Amino acid sequence: MKTVLTIAGSDSSGGAGIQADLKTMISHGVYGMSAITALTAQNTLGVTDVLESTPEFLAAQLDAVFTDIYPDAVKIGMVSSAPLIKVIADKLNEYDVPLVVVDPVMVATSGSALMESDATETLKQELLPIATVLTPNIAEAEALSGLKIKTHDDMVAAAKHIGDTYHCAVLCKGGHRQTDANDVLYHEGKVHWFESERVDNPNAHGTGCTLASAIASNLAKDFDLITSIERAKAYLTDALRAGLDLGKGSGPLDHGFDIHSKYSEMNNQDLT
């Protein structure tokens, strides 16, 4: 079985962060592991508190995973401070991780800030150069590139600027646009568009985490980058289309929409 490690924050409501990552991974048939960067008190309405891991404890988690069950791919999500980013970069270099998906989580879907201001520069210098692919949304791509994004051409320009500066592939996500959910990949000097329908579902909590984890899962299964993104976007679209409606705000996805077993049948009395 292929293995994937998520390095991210915990979402107490289960819709984003490591909870979304692990649900996505099991849905893709890979074995998921986690190193927690922070605990969050969070629900569909927003983030009310954050308890950050110490750099020493995060390093211990990473050592524990890498020295026992070495991951085929790593997904990095919410990392709120510069010291934690530095620890992650050091450990990825130490253990020579080949496939790294970085989802630069700066602001939650609810609008809550999830990254300290000084951490952005550390992210740029330490993590982006070792990323296989970076998956910013429009707001994050603007912050990383310093460019304003209003059109599809602007998305390409921002992705190219980030990719050329930090020498990584960049998937600029257009899901926050009003008219479509098209994403653009800039990789090795080439531009590739991924077109998909915009699902009419206000419950989009954890979509960024889910997409990045799905990409990492597919890369771990030896799909190339473009195929991994295509498969990840198809999974995300179907999870949105499943129409789960929980909570009073932006609710979570139905990550297990395609999982069917005798244990998942609520009325099944015969498990033999």
Protein backbone atom coordinates (compact mmCIF):
# COMPACT_ATOMS: atom_id res chain seq x y z
CA MET A 1 0.00 0.00 0.00
CA LYS A 2 1.22 3.48 -0.86
CA THR A 3 1.65 5.90 2.05
CA VAL A 4 1.08 9.65 2.38
CA LEU A 5 1.94 11.99 5.24
CA THR A 6 -0.06 15.13 5.94
CA ILE A 7 1.64 17.93 7.87
CA ALA A 8 -1.15 20.29 8.85
CA GLY A 9 -3.44 21.62 11.54
CA SER A 10 -6.29 19.77 13.20
CA ASP A 11 -9.87 20.91 12.54
CA SER A 12 -12.09 20.01 15.49
CA SER A 13 -15.17 20.01 13.24
CA GLY A 14 -13.60 17.44 10.92
CA GLY A 15 -14.09 19.28 7.64
CA ALA A 16 -10.61 20.60 6.90
CA GLY A 17 -7.01 20.07 8.03
CA ILE A 18 -5.69 16.64 8.87
CA GLN A 19 -9.19 15.24 9.26
CA ALA A 20 -10.08 16.12 5.66
CA ASP A 21 -6.67 14.92 4.52
CA LEU A 22 -6.96 11.49 6.13
CA LYS A 23 -10.52 11.02 4.83
CA THR A 24 -9.32 11.91 1.34
CA MET A 25 -6.38 9.54 1.58
CA ILE A 26 -8.42 6.53 2.66
CA SER A 27 -10.87 7.32 -0.15
CA HIS A 28 -7.93 7.07 -2.57
CA GLY A 29 -6.71 3.74 -1.24
CA VAL A 30 -3.51 5.03 0.36
CA TYR A 31 -2.38 4.81 3.98
CA GLY A 32 -2.52 8.24 5.62
CA MET A 33 -0.31 9.51 8.45
CA SER A 34 -0.20 12.90 10.16
CA ALA A 35 2.08 15.37 11.91
CA ILE A 36 0.05 18.08 13.61
CA THR A 37 1.25 21.67 13.38
CA ALA A 38 -1.58 23.12 15.48
CA LEU A 39 -4.84 22.30 17.19
CA THR A 40 -7.69 24.57 16.19
CA ALA A 41 -11.04 25.22 17.85
CA GLN A 42 -12.95 25.44 14.62
CA ASN A 43 -16.32 24.78 13.04
CA THR A 44 -18.23 25.69 9.90
CA LEU A 45 -18.58 29.27 11.15
CA GLY A 46 -14.90 29.99 11.74
CA VAL A 47 -11.81 29.53 13.89
CA THR A 48 -12.10 30.60 17.54
CA ASP A 49 -8.73 29.51 18.93
CA VAL A 50 -5.40 27.97 17.88
CA LEU A 51 -2.89 26.01 19.98
CA GLU A 52 0.33 25.67 18.03
CA SER A 53 2.73 22.73 18.29
CA THR A 54 6.22 23.54 19.47
CA PRO A 55 8.98 23.16 16.87
CA GLU A 56 10.51 20.40 19.01
CA PHE A 57 7.30 18.39 19.15
CA LEU A 58 6.65 18.79 15.43
CA ALA A 59 10.20 17.57 14.74
CA ALA A 60 9.58 14.55 16.99
CA GLN A 61 6.39 13.69 15.08
CA LEU A 62 8.20 13.89 11.75
CA ASP A 63 11.12 11.78 12.97
CA ALA A 64 8.69 9.16 14.28
CA VAL A 65 7.00 8.84 10.89
CA PHE A 66 10.04 9.04 8.64
CA THR A 67 12.09 6.50 10.60
CA ASP A 68 9.35 3.87 10.55
CA ILE A 69 6.78 4.20 7.73
CA TYR A 70 8.47 6.31 5.07
CA PRO A 71 5.83 8.22 3.06
CA ASP A 72 5.66 8.01 -0.72
CA ALA A 73 4.38 11.59 -0.76
CA VAL A 74 3.90 14.46 1.68
CA LYS A 75 1.13 17.05 1.77
CA ILE A 76 1.72 20.27 3.73
CA GLY A 77 -1.22 22.40 4.82
CA MET A 78 -1.67 24.90 7.64
CA VAL A 79 1.64 25.99 9.16
CA SER A 80 1.14 29.23 11.02
CA SER A 81 4.64 30.31 12.08
CA ALA A 82 8.16 30.63 10.72
CA PRO A 83 9.85 28.27 13.23
CA LEU A 84 7.48 25.43 12.29
CA ILE A 85 8.04 26.01 8.58
CA LYS A 86 11.79 25.85 9.17
CA VAL A 87 11.45 22.53 11.02
CA ILE A 88 9.40 21.04 8.18
CA ALA A 89 11.86 22.18 5.52
CA ASP A 90 14.81 20.83 7.50
CA LYS A 91 13.16 17.42 7.96
CA LEU A 92 12.07 17.13 4.32
CA ASN A 93 15.65 17.82 3.26
CA GLU A 94 17.08 15.47 5.89
CA TYR A 95 14.88 12.57 4.79
CA ASP A 96 15.06 13.43 1.07
CA VAL A 97 11.32 13.38 0.40
CA PRO A 98 10.71 13.12 -3.37
CA LEU A 99 7.07 14.26 -3.70
CA VAL A 100 5.83 17.30 -1.78
CA VAL A 101 2.47 19.05 -2.28
CA VAL A 102 2.29 22.44 -0.53
CA ASP A 103 -1.11 24.01 0.07
CA PRO A 104 -0.17 27.48 1.38
CA VAL A 105 -3.06 27.89 3.83
CA MET A 106 -3.11 31.57 4.73
CA VAL A 107 -6.81 32.25 5.26
CA ALA A 108 -9.62 29.84 6.13
CA THR A 109 -12.73 29.62 3.95
CA SER A 110 -14.53 31.52 6.72
CA GLY A 111 -12.02 34.40 6.39
CA SER A 112 -10.00 33.70 9.53
CA ALA A 113 -6.25 34.36 9.22
CA LEU A 114 -4.24 31.15 9.70
CA MET A 115 -0.67 32.29 9.04
CA GLU A 116 1.43 34.85 10.90
CA SER A 117 2.73 37.65 8.70
CA ASP A 118 6.42 36.78 9.12
CA ALA A 119 5.76 33.16 8.17
CA THR A 120 5.02 34.03 4.53
CA GLU A 121 8.62 34.97 3.80
CA THR A 122 9.90 31.79 5.47
CA LEU A 123 7.42 29.78 3.43
CA LYS A 124 8.78 31.34 0.23
CA GLN A 125 12.43 30.77 1.09
CA GLU A 126 12.27 27.39 2.83
CA LEU A 127 9.36 25.35 1.50
CA LEU A 128 8.50 26.51 -2.01
CA PRO A 129 11.89 25.59 -3.53
CA ILE A 130 11.48 21.95 -2.40
CA ALA A 131 7.82 21.62 -3.41
CA THR A 132 6.79 19.35 -6.24
CA VAL A 133 3.67 21.43 -6.70
CA LEU A 134 2.15 24.42 -4.93
CA THR A 135 -1.66 24.79 -4.82
CA PRO A 136 -2.59 28.42 -3.97
CA ASN A 137 -6.06 29.84 -4.41
CA ILE A 138 -6.37 33.28 -6.00
CA ALA A 139 -5.88 35.22 -2.75
CA GLU A 140 -2.84 33.13 -1.84
CA ALA A 141 -1.37 33.44 -5.33
CA GLU A 142 -1.74 37.22 -5.07
CA ALA A 143 0.08 37.21 -1.73
CA LEU A 144 2.90 35.02 -3.03
CA SER A 145 3.35 36.79 -6.37
CA GLY A 146 2.54 40.38 -5.44
CA LEU A 147 0.22 40.52 -8.49
CA LYS A 148 -3.49 41.25 -8.63
CA ILE A 149 -5.62 38.53 -10.20
CA LYS A 150 -8.86 39.42 -11.95
CA THR A 151 -8.72 37.40 -15.19
CA HIS A 152 -7.57 34.03 -16.45
CA ASP A 153 -4.49 35.70 -17.94
CA ASP A 154 -3.72 37.12 -14.49
CA MET A 155 -3.88 33.60 -13.04
CA VAL A 156 -1.31 32.45 -15.60
CA ALA A 157 0.94 35.44 -14.89
CA ALA A 158 0.85 34.83 -11.12
CA ALA A 159 1.50 31.10 -11.48
CA LYS A 160 4.41 31.78 -13.85
CA HIS A 161 5.90 34.40 -11.52
CA ILE A 162 5.76 32.05 -8.53
CA GLY A 163 6.99 29.04 -10.47
CA ASP A 164 9.91 30.85 -12.09
CA THR A 165 10.91 32.48 -8.81
CA TYR A 166 10.83 29.39 -6.61
CA HIS A 167 11.39 26.67 -9.24
CA CYS A 168 8.31 24.61 -8.47
CA ALA A 169 5.13 23.67 -10.32
CA VAL A 170 2.20 25.95 -9.43
CA LEU A 171 -1.50 25.10 -9.63
CA CYS A 172 -3.39 28.38 -9.32
CA LYS A 173 -6.95 27.49 -8.30
CA GLY A 174 -9.86 29.44 -9.69
CA GLY A 175 -12.55 27.97 -7.45
CA HIS A 176 -13.12 31.29 -5.70
CA ARG A 177 -14.13 32.90 -9.01
CA GLN A 178 -17.83 33.51 -9.60
CA THR A 179 -18.12 32.00 -13.07
CA ASP A 180 -16.08 28.80 -13.16
CA ALA A 181 -13.85 26.42 -11.20
CA ASN A 182 -11.01 26.30 -13.73
CA ASP A 183 -7.44 25.91 -12.46
CA VAL A 184 -4.16 26.55 -14.26
CA LEU A 185 -0.91 24.65 -13.87
CA TYR A 186 2.42 26.24 -14.69
CA HIS A 187 5.10 23.54 -14.89
CA GLU A 188 8.47 23.45 -16.62
CA GLY A 189 7.62 26.51 -18.69
CA LYS A 190 4.29 25.16 -19.91
CA VAL A 191 0.70 26.14 -19.09
CA HIS A 192 -2.06 23.56 -18.70
CA TRP A 193 -5.68 24.42 -17.93
CA PHE A 194 -8.01 22.13 -15.99
CA GLU A 195 -11.62 22.98 -16.71
CA SER A 196 -14.45 21.85 -14.47
CA GLU A 197 -17.98 22.82 -13.62
CA ARG A 198 -18.72 25.09 -10.70
CA VAL A 199 -20.90 22.99 -8.39
CA ASP A 200 -23.74 24.96 -6.84
CA ASN A 201 -22.95 24.02 -3.24
CA PRO A 202 -22.26 26.61 -0.52
CA ASN A 203 -20.69 23.93 1.67
CA ALA A 204 -17.05 24.17 0.62
CA HIS A 205 -15.23 23.91 3.95
CA GLY A 206 -11.91 22.12 3.40
CA THR A 207 -11.89 22.10 -0.40
CA GLY A 208 -8.26 23.26 -0.59
CA CYS A 209 -7.08 20.63 1.88
CA THR A 210 -9.03 17.97 0.05
CA LEU A 211 -7.66 18.82 -3.40
CA ALA A 212 -4.05 18.95 -2.21
CA SER A 213 -4.38 15.64 -0.38
CA ALA A 214 -5.97 14.02 -3.40
CA ILE A 215 -3.10 15.24 -5.59
CA ALA A 216 -0.57 13.87 -3.10
CA SER A 217 -2.40 10.53 -2.97
CA ASN A 218 -2.36 10.19 -6.74
CA LEU A 219 1.30 11.19 -6.98
CA ALA A 220 2.08 8.51 -4.37
CA LYS A 221 0.31 5.99 -6.62
CA ASP A 222 2.75 6.89 -9.43
CA PHE A 223 0.43 8.99 -11.57
CA ASP A 224 2.13 11.92 -13.30
CA LEU A 225 1.38 15.45 -12.14
CA ILE A 226 -1.25 16.33 -14.75
CA THR A 227 -3.09 13.04 -14.28
CA SER A 228 -2.89 13.41 -10.50
CA ILE A 229 -4.50 16.85 -10.70
CA GLU A 230 -7.19 15.65 -13.12
CA ARG A 231 -8.10 12.77 -10.80
CA ALA A 232 -8.02 15.02 -7.73
CA LYS A 233 -10.32 17.60 -9.32
CA ALA A 234 -12.77 14.89 -10.39
CA TYR A 235 -12.85 13.58 -6.80
CA LEU A 236 -13.38 17.07 -5.37
CA THR A 237 -16.17 17.83 -7.86
CA ASP A 238 -17.98 14.61 -6.98
CA ALA A 239 -17.55 15.24 -3.23
CA LEU A 240 -19.15 18.66 -3.69
CA ARG A 241 -21.87 17.23 -5.91
CA ALA A 242 -22.77 14.71 -3.16
CA GLY A 243 -24.40 17.63 -1.37
CA LEU A 244 -23.62 16.96 2.29
CA ASP A 245 -25.19 19.67 4.46
CA LEU A 246 -23.88 19.90 8.03
CA GLY A 247 -23.36 22.84 10.36
CA LYS A 248 -24.61 26.41 10.42
CA GLY A 249 -21.96 27.89 8.11
CA SER A 250 -19.83 26.65 5.20
CA GLY A 251 -20.17 22.93 5.78
CA PRO A 252 -17.79 20.05 5.01
CA LEU A 253 -17.60 17.83 1.96
CA ASP A 254 -18.77 14.22 1.79
CA HIS A 255 -15.27 12.73 1.52
CA GLY A 256 -16.61 9.18 1.70
CA PHE A 257 -19.23 9.52 -1.05
CA ASP A 258 -17.63 6.67 -3.00
CA ILE A 259 -16.90 4.34 -0.06
CA HIS A 260 -19.31 1.43 0.21
CA SER A 261 -18.89 -1.46 2.61
CA LYS A 262 -21.00 -3.64 4.87
CA TYR A 263 -19.80 -1.53 7.80
CA SER A 264 -21.05 1.70 6.25
CA GLU A 265 -24.64 0.45 5.84
CA MET A 266 -26.56 1.94 8.76
CA ASN A 267 -29.29 -0.70 8.74
CA ASN A 268 -27.16 -3.73 8.03
CA GLN A 269 -27.64 -6.20 10.88
CA ASP A 270 -25.76 -9.09 9.31
CA LEU A 271 -22.00 -8.51 9.18
CA THR A 272 -21.05 -12.12 8.49
